[in-house]
Amino acid sequence: MNKTSSSYILWLGCLLQVYGLHRFYNGKIATGLLWLFTFGLFGVGQLIDLFLIPDMVDDYNAKLRAKMGLSAAGVPLSDAVVATQTIQVNPKEQLMVKLLKAAAAHGGKLSVTQGVMDTGATFAQVETTLKEMVKSGYVGVDNHPATGVVVYKFLELSS
């Protein structure tokens, strides 16, 4: 934030034949150059600026506050945080977790029918997911000794 006293001190640069320093300080580059090359508009503009400096400083500080997102009192102006997107969990991964829990409840072994009953998914979804888990190496395939039904053995859960 610029200070009025600093602007007045820079205004005194006219005593050293350097006009318009106070305008550069307050962000008025074009008129600062004009003042510099015309000796403060032949001294008249420099004299008028003596009375305009407080407004110049206030204008510059207001623009600076607006850029930084602050109110006139210096309090941050923050927008309300609104969720624009929710994170979607992959349904296949959710189904894998449900199948894993179902297998844990059945001693580490699970048939497609048991998977459908425990997860509520369709037969095709359960079978496809179990086959993917077999390809990944998480599950082994076996047959039930009495019925011959395909049973998926969760290797880390079975004893």
Protein backbone atom coordinates (compact mmCIF):
# COMPACT_ATOMS: atom_id res chain seq x y z
CA MET A 1 0.00 0.00 0.00
CA ASN A 2 1.29 3.41 -0.92
CA LYS A 3 1.60 6.16 1.64
CA THR A 4 0.66 9.78 1.12
CA SER A 5 3.80 10.95 2.90
CA SER A 6 5.98 8.95 0.49
CA SER A 7 4.18 10.54 -2.46
CA TYR A 8 4.82 14.02 -1.07
CA ILE A 9 8.50 13.21 -0.59
CA LEU A 10 8.69 12.03 -4.20
CA TRP A 11 6.87 15.19 -5.28
CA LEU A 12 9.83 17.08 -3.84
CA GLY A 13 11.93 15.47 -6.58
CA CYS A 14 10.93 18.49 -8.65
CA LEU A 15 13.48 20.47 -6.62
CA LEU A 16 16.14 18.23 -8.20
CA GLN A 17 14.61 18.68 -11.68
CA VAL A 18 13.05 15.18 -11.62
CA TYR A 19 9.35 15.75 -12.13
CA GLY A 20 6.55 13.18 -11.88
CA LEU A 21 8.17 10.68 -9.52
CA HIS A 22 5.05 10.72 -7.36
CA ARG A 23 2.98 9.75 -10.42
CA PHE A 24 5.22 6.74 -11.16
CA TYR A 25 4.90 5.71 -7.52
CA ASN A 26 1.10 5.82 -7.75
CA GLY A 27 0.90 3.77 -10.94
CA LYS A 28 0.32 6.60 -13.40
CA ILE A 29 3.13 5.75 -15.79
CA ALA A 30 1.93 7.65 -18.88
CA THR A 31 1.37 10.93 -17.05
CA GLY A 32 4.56 10.32 -15.07
CA LEU A 33 6.48 10.28 -18.34
CA LEU A 34 4.62 13.39 -19.50
CA TRP A 35 5.53 15.19 -16.27
CA LEU A 36 9.15 14.02 -16.58
CA PHE A 37 9.65 15.30 -20.13
CA THR A 38 7.64 18.55 -19.82
CA PHE A 39 9.03 19.59 -16.44
CA GLY A 40 5.75 18.87 -14.66
CA LEU A 41 3.66 20.44 -17.42
CA PHE A 42 5.86 23.51 -17.08
CA GLY A 43 5.44 23.53 -13.31
CA VAL A 44 1.66 24.03 -13.38
CA GLY A 45 0.80 20.32 -13.33
CA GLN A 46 3.32 19.70 -10.61
CA LEU A 47 1.73 22.40 -8.47
CA ILE A 48 -1.80 21.08 -9.04
CA ASP A 49 -0.62 17.58 -8.11
CA LEU A 50 0.31 18.92 -4.71
CA PHE A 51 -3.44 18.96 -3.95
CA LEU A 52 -4.29 15.78 -5.90
CA ILE A 53 -1.75 13.45 -4.26
CA PRO A 54 -4.08 12.13 -1.51
CA ASP A 55 -6.68 11.08 -4.11
CA MET A 56 -3.99 9.51 -6.30
CA VAL A 57 -2.75 7.42 -3.38
CA ASP A 58 -6.30 6.37 -2.44
CA ASP A 59 -7.10 5.35 -6.04
CA TYR A 60 -3.89 3.34 -6.34
CA ASN A 61 -4.46 1.59 -3.02
CA ALA A 62 -8.08 0.77 -3.96
CA LYS A 63 -6.93 -0.81 -7.24
CA LEU A 64 -4.25 -2.76 -5.40
CA ARG A 65 -6.76 -4.03 -2.82
CA ALA A 66 -9.12 -5.12 -5.60
CA LYS A 67 -6.30 -7.06 -7.29
CA MET A 68 -5.46 -8.80 -4.04
CA GLY A 69 -9.12 -9.62 -3.33
CA LEU A 70 -9.48 -7.36 -0.31
CA SER A 71 -12.32 -5.06 0.67
CA ALA A 72 -11.79 -1.36 1.38
CA ALA A 73 -11.20 -2.26 5.04
CA GLY A 74 -8.54 -4.80 4.07
CA VAL A 75 -10.67 -7.86 4.82
CA PRO A 76 -10.33 -10.73 2.33
CA LEU A 77 -13.26 -11.15 -0.01
CA SER A 78 -13.60 -14.91 -0.32
CA ASP A 79 -16.18 -16.68 -2.39
CA ALA A 80 -18.18 -19.47 -0.84
CA VAL A 81 -16.65 -22.85 -1.52
CA VAL A 82 -19.01 -24.88 -3.64
CA ALA A 83 -18.43 -28.47 -4.63
CA THR A 84 -18.50 -28.50 -8.41
CA GLN A 85 -17.63 -32.12 -8.87
CA THR A 86 -17.96 -35.19 -6.75
CA ILE A 87 -15.45 -37.97 -6.92
CA GLN A 88 -16.96 -41.09 -8.37
CA VAL A 89 -15.62 -44.37 -7.07
CA ASN A 90 -15.18 -46.92 -9.80
CA PRO A 91 -18.20 -49.29 -9.61
CA LYS A 92 -15.97 -52.26 -10.52
CA GLU A 93 -13.72 -51.53 -7.56
CA GLN A 94 -16.77 -51.24 -5.29
CA LEU A 95 -18.00 -54.60 -6.56
CA MET A 96 -14.57 -56.14 -5.96
CA VAL A 97 -14.64 -54.95 -2.35
CA LYS A 98 -18.16 -56.33 -1.87
CA LEU A 99 -17.10 -59.67 -3.34
CA LEU A 100 -14.06 -59.72 -1.07
CA LYS A 101 -16.24 -59.16 1.99
CA ALA A 102 -18.67 -61.83 0.81
CA ALA A 103 -15.80 -64.28 0.37
CA ALA A 104 -14.53 -63.48 3.85
CA ALA A 105 -17.98 -64.34 5.20
CA HIS A 106 -17.93 -67.67 3.31
CA GLY A 107 -14.50 -68.85 4.45
CA GLY A 108 -12.53 -67.44 1.52
CA LYS A 109 -14.55 -69.29 -1.14
CA LEU A 110 -17.30 -67.80 -3.26
CA SER A 111 -19.51 -68.98 -6.10
CA VAL A 112 -21.10 -66.62 -8.61
CA THR A 113 -24.53 -67.23 -7.07
CA GLN A 114 -23.29 -66.39 -3.58
CA GLY A 115 -21.65 -63.25 -4.99
CA VAL A 116 -24.91 -62.15 -6.60
CA MET A 117 -26.83 -62.76 -3.37
CA ASP A 118 -24.33 -60.87 -1.21
CA THR A 119 -23.68 -57.91 -3.53
CA GLY A 120 -26.96 -57.40 -5.36
CA ALA A 121 -25.12 -57.17 -8.69
CA THR A 122 -26.11 -59.14 -11.78
CA PHE A 123 -24.71 -62.58 -12.60
CA ALA A 124 -22.79 -61.15 -15.57
CA GLN A 125 -21.23 -58.37 -13.49
CA VAL A 126 -20.17 -60.73 -10.71
CA GLU A 127 -18.77 -63.34 -13.10
CA THR A 128 -16.85 -60.73 -15.13
CA THR A 129 -15.41 -59.15 -12.00
CA LEU A 130 -14.38 -62.51 -10.55
CA LYS A 131 -12.66 -63.44 -13.85
CA GLU A 132 -10.76 -60.13 -13.78
CA MET A 133 -9.67 -60.90 -10.23
CA VAL A 134 -8.48 -64.33 -11.41
CA LYS A 135 -6.41 -62.66 -14.16
CA SER A 136 -4.93 -60.29 -11.59
CA GLY A 137 -3.90 -63.21 -9.40
CA TYR A 138 -6.06 -62.34 -6.39
CA VAL A 139 -8.40 -65.30 -6.84
CA GLY A 140 -7.99 -68.94 -7.83
CA VAL A 141 -10.58 -71.14 -9.55
CA ASP A 142 -11.74 -74.49 -8.20
CA ASN A 143 -14.80 -76.77 -8.36
CA HIS A 144 -17.00 -77.74 -5.45
CA PRO A 145 -16.30 -81.47 -4.81
CA ALA A 146 -19.94 -82.53 -4.44
CA THR A 147 -21.79 -80.29 -6.91
CA GLY A 148 -19.11 -79.34 -9.44
CA VAL A 149 -20.04 -75.65 -9.20
CA VAL A 150 -17.21 -73.25 -10.04
CA VAL A 151 -15.88 -71.81 -6.80
CA TYR A 152 -13.52 -68.86 -6.64
CA LYS A 153 -10.94 -69.18 -3.88
CA PHE A 154 -9.64 -65.90 -2.46
CA LEU A 155 -6.08 -67.00 -1.86
CA GLU A 156 -5.31 -64.64 1.00
CA LEU A 157 -8.58 -65.44 2.80
CA SER A 158 -8.71 -69.22 2.46
CA SER A 159 -7.11 -71.33 5.12
